[in-house]
Amino acid sequence: MEHTVDRLLVIGGGRIVADGPVGSLLGASGTAVRSVDPRGLADALRAREFHVERQDDGVLVVTGAEPATIGAIAAEAGVALIDLHPVQRGLEDLFFQLTDDSGAAPTPAER
């Protein structure tokens, strides 16, 4: 659907929770990174005030950070990276994030 519409309006709990162009609402949700020292990398990123979520598989998802920035912070912290790539969320992820009271998107099993 994101390829057929220009603007989104999302309603949650009887109120408008998002309204704007598709590109700006979806945006890049962040960067996924796997390292040999996830705790050390997470600490270094949080020290720079980035929001870091650790997934069950050990991948860190860093909101609002470009891969190059994460790479530079990892290098400064002396943490070797195994994988590093931008993450783009879809409309479904955006919808659940905006309308879920806890602020976290449900897993596929919870949907």
PDB file of N, CA and C in Angstrom:
ATOM      1  N   MET A   1       0.815  -1.188   0.000  1.00  0.00           N
ATOM      2  CA  MET A   1       0.000   0.000   0.000  1.00  0.00           C
ATOM      3  C   MET A   1       0.862   1.256   0.000  1.00  0.00           C
ATOM      4  N   GLU A   2       2.030   1.202   0.638  1.00  0.00           N
ATOM      5  CA  GLU A   2       2.851   2.409   0.699  1.00  0.00           C
ATOM      6  C   GLU A   2       3.284   2.906  -0.667  1.00  0.00           C
ATOM      7  N   HIS A   3       3.118   2.067  -1.709  1.00  0.00           N
ATOM      8  CA  HIS A   3       3.475   2.477  -3.067  1.00  0.00           C
ATOM      9  C   HIS A   3       2.300   3.108  -3.803  1.00  0.00           C
ATOM     10  N   THR A   4       1.095   3.088  -3.190  1.00  0.00           N
ATOM     11  CA  THR A   4      -0.084   3.609  -3.881  1.00  0.00           C
ATOM     12  C   THR A   4      -0.685   4.846  -3.223  1.00  0.00           C
ATOM     13  N   VAL A   5      -0.228   5.208  -2.050  1.00  0.00           N
ATOM     14  CA  VAL A   5      -0.770   6.389  -1.376  1.00  0.00           C
ATOM     15  C   VAL A   5       0.355   7.389  -1.112  1.00  0.00           C
ATOM     16  N   ASP A   6      -0.028   8.659  -1.007  1.00  0.00           N
ATOM     17  CA  ASP A   6       0.947   9.714  -0.741  1.00  0.00           C
ATOM     18  C   ASP A   6       0.929  10.163   0.715  1.00  0.00           C
ATOM     19  N   ARG A   7      -0.232  10.022   1.351  1.00  0.00           N
ATOM     20  CA  ARG A   7      -0.413  10.548   2.701  1.00  0.00           C
ATOM     21  C   ARG A   7      -1.140   9.514   3.555  1.00  0.00           C
ATOM     22  N   LEU A   8      -0.803   9.471   4.849  1.00  0.00           N
ATOM     23  CA  LEU A   8      -1.434   8.549   5.783  1.00  0.00           C
ATOM     24  C   LEU A   8      -2.068   9.303   6.940  1.00  0.00           C
ATOM     25  N   LEU A   9      -3.185   8.768   7.396  1.00  0.00           N
ATOM     26  CA  LEU A   9      -3.836   9.235   8.607  1.00  0.00           C
ATOM     27  C   LEU A   9      -4.103   7.987   9.432  1.00  0.00           C
ATOM     28  N   VAL A  10      -3.532   7.913  10.631  1.00  0.00           N
ATOM     29  CA  VAL A  10      -3.693   6.739  11.487  1.00  0.00           C
ATOM     30  C   VAL A  10      -4.465   7.162  12.722  1.00  0.00           C
ATOM     31  N   ILE A  11      -5.539   6.407  13.015  1.00  0.00           N
ATOM     32  CA  ILE A  11      -6.378   6.688  14.173  1.00  0.00           C
ATOM     33  C   ILE A  11      -6.217   5.546  15.166  1.00  0.00           C
ATOM     34  N   GLY A  12      -5.964   5.875  16.401  1.00  0.00           N
ATOM     35  CA  GLY A  12      -5.833   4.880  17.460  1.00  0.00           C
ATOM     36  C   GLY A  12      -6.508   5.386  18.714  1.00  0.00           C
ATOM     37  N   GLY A  13      -7.335   4.550  19.322  1.00  0.00           N
ATOM     38  CA  GLY A  13      -8.016   4.958  20.547  1.00  0.00           C
ATOM     39  C   GLY A  13      -8.930   6.145  20.350  1.00  0.00           C
ATOM     40  N   GLY A  14      -9.502   6.276  19.143  1.00  0.00           N
ATOM     41  CA  GLY A  14     -10.430   7.358  18.871  1.00  0.00           C
ATOM     42  C   GLY A  14      -9.781   8.710  18.609  1.00  0.00           C
ATOM     43  N   ARG A  15      -8.475   8.728  18.436  1.00  0.00           N
ATOM     44  CA  ARG A  15      -7.802   9.999  18.150  1.00  0.00           C
ATOM     45  C   ARG A  15      -6.779   9.811  17.035  1.00  0.00           C
ATOM     46  N   ILE A  16      -6.437  10.889  16.376  1.00  0.00           N
ATOM     47  CA  ILE A  16      -5.433  10.839  15.312  1.00  0.00           C
ATOM     48  C   ILE A  16      -4.061  10.720  15.976  1.00  0.00           C
ATOM     49  N   VAL A  17      -3.339   9.647  15.636  1.00  0.00           N
ATOM     50  CA  VAL A  17      -2.011   9.438  16.217  1.00  0.00           C
ATOM     51  C   VAL A  17      -0.898   9.744  15.222  1.00  0.00           C
ATOM     52  N   ALA A  18      -1.240   9.843  13.938  1.00  0.00           N
ATOM     53  CA  ALA A  18      -0.247  10.213  12.925  1.00  0.00           C
ATOM     54  C   ALA A  18      -0.965  10.739  11.701  1.00  0.00           C
ATOM     55  N   ASP A  19      -0.383  11.749  11.089  1.00  0.00           N
ATOM     56  CA  ASP A  19      -0.934  12.331   9.876  1.00  0.00           C
ATOM     57  C   ASP A  19       0.222  12.968   9.118  1.00  0.00           C
ATOM     58  N   GLY A  20       0.482  12.455   7.913  1.00  0.00           N
ATOM     59  CA  GLY A  20       1.563  13.039   7.144  1.00  0.00           C
ATOM     60  C   GLY A  20       1.914  12.234   5.919  1.00  0.00           C
ATOM     61  N   PRO A  21       2.912  12.684   5.180  1.00  0.00           N
ATOM     62  CA  PRO A  21       3.356  11.961   3.991  1.00  0.00           C
ATOM     63  C   PRO A  21       3.898  10.581   4.365  1.00  0.00           C
ATOM     64  N   VAL A  22       3.646   9.603   3.504  1.00  0.00           N
ATOM     65  CA  VAL A  22       4.068   8.228   3.762  1.00  0.00           C
ATOM     66  C   VAL A  22       5.566   8.165   4.050  1.00  0.00           C
ATOM     67  N   GLY A  23       6.369   8.803   3.217  1.00  0.00           N
ATOM     68  CA  GLY A  23       7.820   8.736   3.375  1.00  0.00           C
ATOM     69  C   GLY A  23       8.304   9.233   4.719  1.00  0.00           C
ATOM     70  N   SER A  24       7.731  10.335   5.196  1.00  0.00           N
ATOM     71  CA  SER A  24       8.203  10.874   6.468  1.00  0.00           C
ATOM     72  C   SER A  24       7.704  10.052   7.651  1.00  0.00           C
ATOM     73  N   LEU A  25       6.509   9.449   7.533  1.00  0.00           N
ATOM     74  CA  LEU A  25       6.006   8.618   8.624  1.00  0.00           C
ATOM     75  C   LEU A  25       6.741   7.288   8.708  1.00  0.00           C
ATOM     76  N   LEU A  26       7.025   6.698   7.551  1.00  0.00           N
ATOM     77  CA  LEU A  26       7.740   5.423   7.560  1.00  0.00           C
ATOM     78  C   LEU A  26       9.203   5.641   7.892  1.00  0.00           C
ATOM     79  N   GLY A  27       9.836   6.516   7.117  1.00  0.00           N
ATOM     80  CA  GLY A  27      11.241   6.806   7.352  1.00  0.00           C
ATOM     81  C   GLY A  27      12.074   5.557   7.569  1.00  0.00           C
ATOM     82  N   ALA A  28      13.321   5.733   7.838  1.00  0.00           N
ATOM     83  CA  ALA A  28      14.162   4.602   8.226  1.00  0.00           C
ATOM     84  C   ALA A  28      14.008   4.451   9.727  1.00  0.00           C
ATOM     85  N   SER A  29      13.614   3.276  10.160  1.00  0.00           N
ATOM     86  CA  SER A  29      13.373   3.113  11.585  1.00  0.00           C
ATOM     87  C   SER A  29      14.661   2.990  12.368  1.00  0.00           C
ATOM     88  N   GLY A  30      15.757   2.821  11.685  1.00  0.00           N
ATOM     89  CA  GLY A  30      17.017   2.728  12.393  1.00  0.00           C
ATOM     90  C   GLY A  30      17.994   1.819  11.690  1.00  0.00           C
ATOM     91  N   THR A  31      18.874   1.260  12.486  1.00  0.00           N
ATOM     92  CA  THR A  31      19.918   0.397  11.958  1.00  0.00           C
ATOM     93  C   THR A  31      20.005  -0.852  12.811  1.00  0.00           C
ATOM     94  N   ALA A  32      20.103  -1.997  12.146  1.00  0.00           N
ATOM     95  CA  ALA A  32      20.309  -3.265  12.842  1.00  0.00           C
ATOM     96  C   ALA A  32      21.796  -3.558  12.846  1.00  0.00           C
ATOM     97  N   VAL A  33      22.295  -3.986  13.993  1.00  0.00           N
ATOM     98  CA  VAL A  33      23.731  -4.247  14.116  1.00  0.00           C
ATOM     99  C   VAL A  33      23.964  -5.471  15.003  1.00  0.00           C
ATOM    100  N   ARG A  34      24.898  -6.289  14.573  1.00  0.00           N
ATOM    101  CA  ARG A  34      25.320  -7.444  15.364  1.00  0.00           C
ATOM    102  C   ARG A  34      26.815  -7.276  15.617  1.00  0.00           C
ATOM    103  N   SER A  35      27.219  -7.501  16.864  1.00  0.00           N
ATOM    104  CA  SER A  35      28.632  -7.316  17.203  1.00  0.00           C
ATOM    105  C   SER A  35      29.116  -8.449  18.099  1.00  0.00           C
ATOM    106  N   VAL A  36      30.430  -8.516  18.274  1.00  0.00           N
ATOM    107  CA  VAL A  36      31.012  -9.523  19.156  1.00  0.00           C
ATOM    108  C   VAL A  36      30.769  -9.167  20.625  1.00  0.00           C
ATOM    109  N   ASP A  37      30.460  -7.914  20.901  1.00  0.00           N
ATOM    110  CA  ASP A  37      30.206  -7.444  22.266  1.00  0.00           C
ATOM    111  C   ASP A  37      28.953  -6.564  22.275  1.00  0.00           C
ATOM    112  N   PRO A  38      27.764  -7.197  22.202  1.00  0.00           N
ATOM    113  CA  PRO A  38      26.540  -6.389  22.122  1.00  0.00           C
ATOM    114  C   PRO A  38      26.336  -5.466  23.328  1.00  0.00           C
ATOM    115  N   ARG A  39      26.702  -5.926  24.501  1.00  0.00           N
ATOM    116  CA  ARG A  39      26.519  -5.084  25.692  1.00  0.00           C
ATOM    117  C   ARG A  39      27.421  -3.856  25.634  1.00  0.00           C
ATOM    118  N   GLY A  40      28.678  -4.059  25.257  1.00  0.00           N
ATOM    119  CA  GLY A  40      29.611  -2.937  25.151  1.00  0.00           C
ATOM    120  C   GLY A  40      29.180  -1.937  24.093  1.00  0.00           C
ATOM    121  N   LEU A  41      28.693  -2.457  22.959  1.00  0.00           N
ATOM    122  CA  LEU A  41      28.225  -1.569  21.897  1.00  0.00           C
ATOM    123  C   LEU A  41      26.981  -0.814  22.338  1.00  0.00           C
ATOM    124  N   ALA A  42      26.042  -1.520  22.976  1.00  0.00           N
ATOM    125  CA  ALA A  42      24.821  -0.861  23.453  1.00  0.00           C
ATOM    126  C   ALA A  42      25.160   0.248  24.444  1.00  0.00           C
ATOM    127  N   ASP A  43      26.089  -0.019  25.343  1.00  0.00           N
ATOM    128  CA  ASP A  43      26.497   1.007  26.316  1.00  0.00           C
ATOM    129  C   ASP A  43      27.098   2.225  25.620  1.00  0.00           C
ATOM    130  N   ALA A  44      27.952   1.976  24.620  1.00  0.00           N
ATOM    131  CA  ALA A  44      28.579   3.083  23.884  1.00  0.00           C
ATOM    132  C   ALA A  44      27.535   3.904  23.133  1.00  0.00           C
ATOM    133  N   LEU A  45      26.546   3.235  22.550  1.00  0.00           N
ATOM    134  CA  LEU A  45      25.494   3.941  21.809  1.00  0.00           C
ATOM    135  C   LEU A  45      24.588   4.721  22.749  1.00  0.00           C
ATOM    136  N   ARG A  46      24.237   4.118  23.876  1.00  0.00           N
ATOM    137  CA  ARG A  46      23.386   4.815  24.848  1.00  0.00           C
ATOM    138  C   ARG A  46      24.106   6.028  25.440  1.00  0.00           C
ATOM    139  N   ALA A  47      25.427   5.928  25.577  1.00  0.00           N
ATOM    140  CA  ALA A  47      26.203   7.069  26.076  1.00  0.00           C
ATOM    141  C   ALA A  47      26.104   8.255  25.120  1.00  0.00           C
ATOM    142  N   ARG A  48      25.837   7.963  23.851  1.00  0.00           N
ATOM    143  CA  ARG A  48      25.646   9.016  22.838  1.00  0.00           C
ATOM    144  C   ARG A  48      24.163   9.359  22.674  1.00  0.00           C
ATOM    145  N   GLU A  49      23.336   8.842  23.591  1.00  0.00           N
ATOM    146  CA  GLU A  49      21.901   9.123  23.662  1.00  0.00           C
ATOM    147  C   GLU A  49      21.093   8.525  22.523  1.00  0.00           C
ATOM    148  N   PHE A  50      21.550   7.395  21.972  1.00  0.00           N
ATOM    149  CA  PHE A  50      20.749   6.658  20.997  1.00  0.00           C
ATOM    150  C   PHE A  50      19.874   5.660  21.738  1.00  0.00           C
ATOM    151  N   HIS A  51      18.666   5.427  21.209  1.00  0.00           N
ATOM    152  CA  HIS A  51      17.773   4.406  21.759  1.00  0.00           C
ATOM    153  C   HIS A  51      18.173   3.066  21.158  1.00  0.00           C
ATOM    154  N   VAL A  52      18.464   2.086  22.009  1.00  0.00           N
ATOM    155  CA  VAL A  52      18.928   0.774  21.560  1.00  0.00           C
ATOM    156  C   VAL A  52      17.996  -0.301  22.096  1.00  0.00           C
ATOM    157  N   GLU A  53      17.513  -1.161  21.203  1.00  0.00           N
ATOM    158  CA  GLU A  53      16.702  -2.316  21.598  1.00  0.00           C
ATOM    159  C   GLU A  53      17.448  -3.582  21.225  1.00  0.00           C
ATOM    160  N   ARG A  54      17.509  -4.524  22.159  1.00  0.00           N
ATOM    161  CA  ARG A  54      18.143  -5.806  21.865  1.00  0.00           C
ATOM    162  C   ARG A  54      17.055  -6.819  21.550  1.00  0.00           C
ATOM    163  N   GLN A  55      17.144  -7.446  20.386  1.00  0.00           N
ATOM    164  CA  GLN A  55      16.184  -8.460  19.986  1.00  0.00           C
ATOM    165  C   GLN A  55      16.612  -9.814  20.537  1.00  0.00           C
ATOM    166  N   ASP A  56      15.682 -10.776  20.493  1.00  0.00           N
ATOM    167  CA  ASP A  56      15.952 -12.110  21.021  1.00  0.00           C
ATOM    168  C   ASP A  56      17.150 -12.780  20.364  1.00  0.00           C
ATOM    169  N   ASP A  57      17.394 -12.476  19.096  1.00  0.00           N
ATOM    170  CA  ASP A  57      18.505 -13.112  18.374  1.00  0.00           C
ATOM    171  C   ASP A  57      19.841 -12.395  18.593  1.00  0.00           C
ATOM    172  N   GLY A  58      19.870 -11.408  19.495  1.00  0.00           N
ATOM    173  CA  GLY A  58      21.109 -10.705  19.803  1.00  0.00           C
ATOM    174  C   GLY A  58      21.372  -9.480  18.955  1.00  0.00           C
ATOM    175  N   VAL A  59      20.537  -9.243  17.950  1.00  0.00           N
ATOM    176  CA  VAL A  59      20.698  -8.069  17.096  1.00  0.00           C
ATOM    177  C   VAL A  59      20.256  -6.828  17.869  1.00  0.00           C
ATOM    178  N   LEU A  60      21.037  -5.772  17.754  1.00  0.00           N
ATOM    179  CA  LEU A  60      20.656  -4.490  18.330  1.00  0.00           C
ATOM    180  C   LEU A  60      20.002  -3.652  17.246  1.00  0.00           C
ATOM    181  N   VAL A  61      18.872  -3.026  17.556  1.00  0.00           N
ATOM    182  CA  VAL A  61      18.230  -2.095  16.635  1.00  0.00           C
ATOM    183  C   VAL A  61      18.359  -0.712  17.257  1.00  0.00           C
ATOM    184  N   VAL A  62      19.020   0.169  16.522  1.00  0.00           N
ATOM    185  CA  VAL A  62      19.325   1.510  17.010  1.00  0.00           C
ATOM    186  C   VAL A  62      18.457   2.506  16.255  1.00  0.00           C
ATOM    187  N   THR A  63      17.591   3.191  16.977  1.00  0.00           N
ATOM    188  CA  THR A  63      16.665   4.133  16.371  1.00  0.00           C
ATOM    189  C   THR A  63      17.369   5.442  16.046  1.00  0.00           C
ATOM    190  N   GLY A  64      17.117   5.922  14.824  1.00  0.00           N
ATOM    191  CA  GLY A  64      17.612   7.232  14.424  1.00  0.00           C
ATOM    192  C   GLY A  64      19.099   7.325  14.166  1.00  0.00           C
ATOM    193  N   ALA A  65      19.752   6.194  13.959  1.00  0.00           N
ATOM    194  CA  ALA A  65      21.198   6.221  13.721  1.00  0.00           C
ATOM    195  C   ALA A  65      21.524   5.647  12.355  1.00  0.00           C
ATOM    196  N   GLU A  66      22.372   6.327  11.643  1.00  0.00           N
ATOM    197  CA  GLU A  66      22.842   5.840  10.348  1.00  0.00           C
ATOM    198  C   GLU A  66      23.925   4.784  10.575  1.00  0.00           C
ATOM    199  N   PRO A  67      24.042   3.820   9.645  1.00  0.00           N
ATOM    200  CA  PRO A  67      25.080   2.792   9.792  1.00  0.00           C
ATOM    201  C   PRO A  67      26.486   3.363   9.976  1.00  0.00           C
ATOM    202  N   ALA A  68      26.825   4.413   9.251  1.00  0.00           N
ATOM    203  CA  ALA A  68      28.170   4.994   9.370  1.00  0.00           C
ATOM    204  C   ALA A  68      28.428   5.528  10.779  1.00  0.00           C
ATOM    205  N   THR A  69      27.418   6.113  11.381  1.00  0.00           N
ATOM    206  CA  THR A  69      27.557   6.634  12.743  1.00  0.00           C
ATOM    207  C   THR A  69      27.793   5.504  13.727  1.00  0.00           C
ATOM    208  N   ILE A  70      27.015   4.426  13.579  1.00  0.00           N
ATOM    209  CA  ILE A  70      27.186   3.274  14.468  1.00  0.00           C
ATOM    210  C   ILE A  70      28.571   2.666  14.283  1.00  0.00           C
ATOM    211  N   GLY A  71      29.010   2.560  13.042  1.00  0.00           N
ATOM    212  CA  GLY A  71      30.343   2.029  12.773  1.00  0.00           C
ATOM    213  C   GLY A  71      31.429   2.849  13.443  1.00  0.00           C
ATOM    214  N   ALA A  72      31.294   4.164  13.386  1.00  0.00           N
ATOM    215  CA  ALA A  72      32.286   5.045  14.006  1.00  0.00           C
ATOM    216  C   ALA A  72      32.280   4.901  15.527  1.00  0.00           C
ATOM    217  N   ILE A  73      31.094   4.821  16.121  1.00  0.00           N
ATOM    218  CA  ILE A  73      30.998   4.664  17.578  1.00  0.00           C
ATOM    219  C   ILE A  73      31.576   3.317  17.998  1.00  0.00           C
ATOM    220  N   ALA A  74      31.278   2.272  17.223  1.00  0.00           N
ATOM    221  CA  ALA A  74      31.828   0.943  17.525  1.00  0.00           C
ATOM    222  C   ALA A  74      33.352   0.965  17.453  1.00  0.00           C
ATOM    223  N   ALA A  75      33.893   1.628  16.442  1.00  0.00           N
ATOM    224  CA  ALA A  75      35.353   1.706  16.296  1.00  0.00           C
ATOM    225  C   ALA A  75      35.980   2.439  17.483  1.00  0.00           C
ATOM    226  N   GLU A  76      35.359   3.550  17.896  1.00  0.00           N
ATOM    227  CA  GLU A  76      35.865   4.301  19.049  1.00  0.00           C
ATOM    228  C   GLU A  76      35.838   3.462  20.318  1.00  0.00           C
ATOM    229  N   ALA A  77      34.802   2.602  20.434  1.00  0.00           N
ATOM    230  CA  ALA A  77      34.655   1.760  21.627  1.00  0.00           C
ATOM    231  C   ALA A  77      35.476   0.477  21.534  1.00  0.00           C
ATOM    232  N   GLY A  78      36.087   0.235  20.377  1.00  0.00           N
ATOM    233  CA  GLY A  78      36.878  -0.972  20.188  1.00  0.00           C
ATOM    234  C   GLY A  78      36.046  -2.229  20.052  1.00  0.00           C
ATOM    235  N   VAL A  79      34.818  -2.086  19.541  1.00  0.00           N
ATOM    236  CA  VAL A  79      33.911  -3.221  19.384  1.00  0.00           C
ATOM    237  C   VAL A  79      33.843  -3.604  17.914  1.00  0.00           C
ATOM    238  N   ALA A  80      34.158  -4.861  17.615  1.00  0.00           N
ATOM    239  CA  ALA A  80      34.091  -5.352  16.233  1.00  0.00           C
ATOM    240  C   ALA A  80      32.644  -5.641  15.854  1.00  0.00           C
ATOM    241  N   LEU A  81      32.269  -5.270  14.634  1.00  0.00           N
ATOM    242  CA  LEU A  81      30.919  -5.510  14.136  1.00  0.00           C
ATOM    243  C   LEU A  81      30.902  -6.732  13.233  1.00  0.00           C
ATOM    244  N   ILE A  82      29.799  -7.478  13.307  1.00  0.00           N
ATOM    245  CA  ILE A  82      29.604  -8.655  12.465  1.00  0.00           C
ATOM    246  C   ILE A  82      28.670  -8.327  11.310  1.00  0.00           C
ATOM    247  N   ASP A  83      27.641  -7.521  11.584  1.00  0.00           N
ATOM    248  CA  ASP A  83      26.653  -7.156  10.568  1.00  0.00           C
ATOM    249  C   ASP A  83      26.117  -5.772  10.895  1.00  0.00           C
ATOM    250  N   LEU A  84      25.831  -5.001   9.858  1.00  0.00           N
ATOM    251  CA  LEU A  84      25.354  -3.632  10.036  1.00  0.00           C
ATOM    252  C   LEU A  84      24.543  -3.255   8.812  1.00  0.00           C
ATOM    253  N   HIS A  85      23.241  -2.947   8.999  1.00  0.00           N
ATOM    254  CA  HIS A  85      22.420  -2.547   7.856  1.00  0.00           C
ATOM    255  C   HIS A  85      21.217  -1.723   8.315  1.00  0.00           C
ATOM    256  N   PRO A  86      20.757  -0.799   7.443  1.00  0.00           N
ATOM    257  CA  PRO A  86      19.579   0.007   7.779  1.00  0.00           C
ATOM    258  C   PRO A  86      18.330  -0.861   7.802  1.00  0.00           C
ATOM    259  N   VAL A  87      17.382  -0.473   8.645  1.00  0.00           N
ATOM    260  CA  VAL A  87      16.113  -1.187   8.764  1.00  0.00           C
ATOM    261  C   VAL A  87      14.993  -0.233   8.369  1.00  0.00           C
ATOM    262  N   GLN A  88      14.156  -0.656   7.456  1.00  0.00           N
ATOM    263  CA  GLN A  88      13.002   0.142   7.026  1.00  0.00           C
ATOM    264  C   GLN A  88      11.743  -0.569   7.503  1.00  0.00           C
ATOM    265  N   ARG A  89      10.922   0.120   8.244  1.00  0.00           N
ATOM    266  CA  ARG A  89       9.683  -0.509   8.694  1.00  0.00           C
ATOM    267  C   ARG A  89       8.610  -0.367   7.636  1.00  0.00           C
ATOM    268  N   GLY A  90       7.614  -1.225   7.699  1.00  0.00           N
ATOM    269  CA  GLY A  90       6.486  -1.181   6.781  1.00  0.00           C
ATOM    270  C   GLY A  90       5.277  -0.542   7.440  1.00  0.00           C
ATOM    271  N   LEU A  91       4.205  -0.420   6.684  1.00  0.00           N
ATOM    272  CA  LEU A  91       2.982   0.193   7.205  1.00  0.00           C
ATOM    273  C   LEU A  91       2.428  -0.571   8.401  1.00  0.00           C
ATOM    274  N   GLU A  92       2.477  -1.893   8.337  1.00  0.00           N
ATOM    275  CA  GLU A  92       1.937  -2.690   9.437  1.00  0.00           C
ATOM    276  C   GLU A  92       2.702  -2.418  10.734  1.00  0.00           C
ATOM    277  N   ASP A  93       4.025  -2.393  10.655  1.00  0.00           N
ATOM    278  CA  ASP A  93       4.834  -2.099  11.838  1.00  0.00           C
ATOM    279  C   ASP A  93       4.527  -0.707  12.380  1.00  0.00           C
ATOM    280  N   LEU A  94       4.416   0.265  11.485  1.00  0.00           N
ATOM    281  CA  LEU A  94       4.099   1.631  11.886  1.00  0.00           C
ATOM    282  C   LEU A  94       2.741   1.686  12.579  1.00  0.00           C
ATOM    283  N   PHE A  95       1.744   1.030  11.994  1.00  0.00           N
ATOM    284  CA  PHE A  95       0.401   1.030  12.569  1.00  0.00           C
ATOM    285  C   PHE A  95       0.416   0.470  13.989  1.00  0.00           C
ATOM    286  N   PHE A  96       1.038  -0.697  14.172  1.00  0.00           N
ATOM    287  CA  PHE A  96       1.059  -1.304  15.501  1.00  0.00           C
ATOM    288  C   PHE A  96       1.851  -0.460  16.496  1.00  0.00           C
ATOM    289  N   GLN A  97       2.922   0.152  16.054  1.00  0.00           N
ATOM    290  CA  GLN A  97       3.702   1.002  16.950  1.00  0.00           C
ATOM    291  C   GLN A  97       2.876   2.203  17.405  1.00  0.00           C
ATOM    292  N   LEU A  98       2.131   2.798  16.484  1.00  0.00           N
ATOM    293  CA  LEU A  98       1.368   4.004  16.804  1.00  0.00           C
ATOM    294  C   LEU A  98       0.102   3.729  17.602  1.00  0.00           C
ATOM    295  N   THR A  99      -0.481   2.548  17.451  1.00  0.00           N
ATOM    296  CA  THR A  99      -1.769   2.277  18.087  1.00  0.00           C
ATOM    297  C   THR A  99      -1.677   1.378  19.304  1.00  0.00           C
ATOM    298  N   ASP A 100      -0.530   0.788  19.579  1.00  0.00           N
ATOM    299  CA  ASP A 100      -0.359  -0.078  20.740  1.00  0.00           C
ATOM    300  C   ASP A 100      -0.039   0.783  21.954  1.00  0.00           C
ATOM    301  N   ASP A 101      -0.802   0.618  23.016  1.00  0.00           N
ATOM    302  CA  ASP A 101      -0.604   1.427  24.221  1.00  0.00           C
ATOM    303  C   ASP A 101       0.773   1.256  24.838  1.00  0.00           C
ATOM    304  N   SER A 102       1.370   0.072  24.682  1.00  0.00           N
ATOM    305  CA  SER A 102       2.683  -0.149  25.290  1.00  0.00           C
ATOM    306  C   SER A 102       3.795   0.491  24.484  1.00  0.00           C
ATOM    307  N   GLY A 103       3.503   0.882  23.224  1.00  0.00           N
ATOM    308  CA  GLY A 103       4.510   1.496  22.376  1.00  0.00           C
ATOM    309  C   GLY A 103       5.367   0.501  21.624  1.00  0.00           C
ATOM    310  N   ALA A 104       5.176  -0.798  21.890  1.00  0.00           N
ATOM    311  CA  ALA A 104       5.961  -1.827  21.205  1.00  0.00           C
ATOM    312  C   ALA A 104       5.076  -2.572  20.230  1.00  0.00           C
ATOM    313  N   ALA A 105       5.582  -2.839  19.050  1.00  0.00           N
ATOM    314  CA  ALA A 105       4.827  -3.590  18.055  1.00  0.00           C
ATOM    315  C   ALA A 105       4.709  -5.036  18.503  1.00  0.00           C
ATOM    316  N   PRO A 106       3.516  -5.640  18.362  1.00  0.00           N
ATOM    317  CA  PRO A 106       3.357  -7.034  18.757  1.00  0.00           C
ATOM    318  C   PRO A 106       4.114  -7.961  17.822  1.00  0.00           C
ATOM    319  N   THR A 107       4.472  -9.107  18.352  1.00  0.00           N
ATOM    320  CA  THR A 107       5.123 -10.108  17.522  1.00  0.00           C
ATOM    321  C   THR A 107       4.082 -10.735  16.615  1.00  0.00           C
ATOM    322  N   PRO A 108       4.483 -11.426  15.536  1.00  0.00           N
ATOM    323  CA  PRO A 108       3.501 -12.066  14.659  1.00  0.00           C
ATOM    324  C   PRO A 108       2.563 -13.002  15.414  1.00  0.00           C
ATOM    325  N   ALA A 109       3.049 -13.679  16.449  1.00  0.00           N
ATOM    326  CA  ALA A 109       2.200 -14.590  17.216  1.00  0.00           C
ATOM    327  C   ALA A 109       1.126 -13.842  17.997  1.00  0.00           C
ATOM    328  N   GLU A 110       1.389 -12.582  18.357  1.00  0.00           N
ATOM    329  CA  GLU A 110       0.430 -11.791  19.123  1.00  0.00           C
ATOM    330  C   GLU A 110      -0.619 -11.126  18.248  1.00  0.00           C
ATOM    331  N   ARG A 111      -0.388 -11.082  16.946  1.00  0.00           N
ATOM    332  CA  ARG A 111      -1.319 -10.392  16.044  1.00  0.00           C
ATOM    333  C   ARG A 111      -2.535 -11.194  15.788  1.00  0.00           C
TER     334      ARG A 111
END
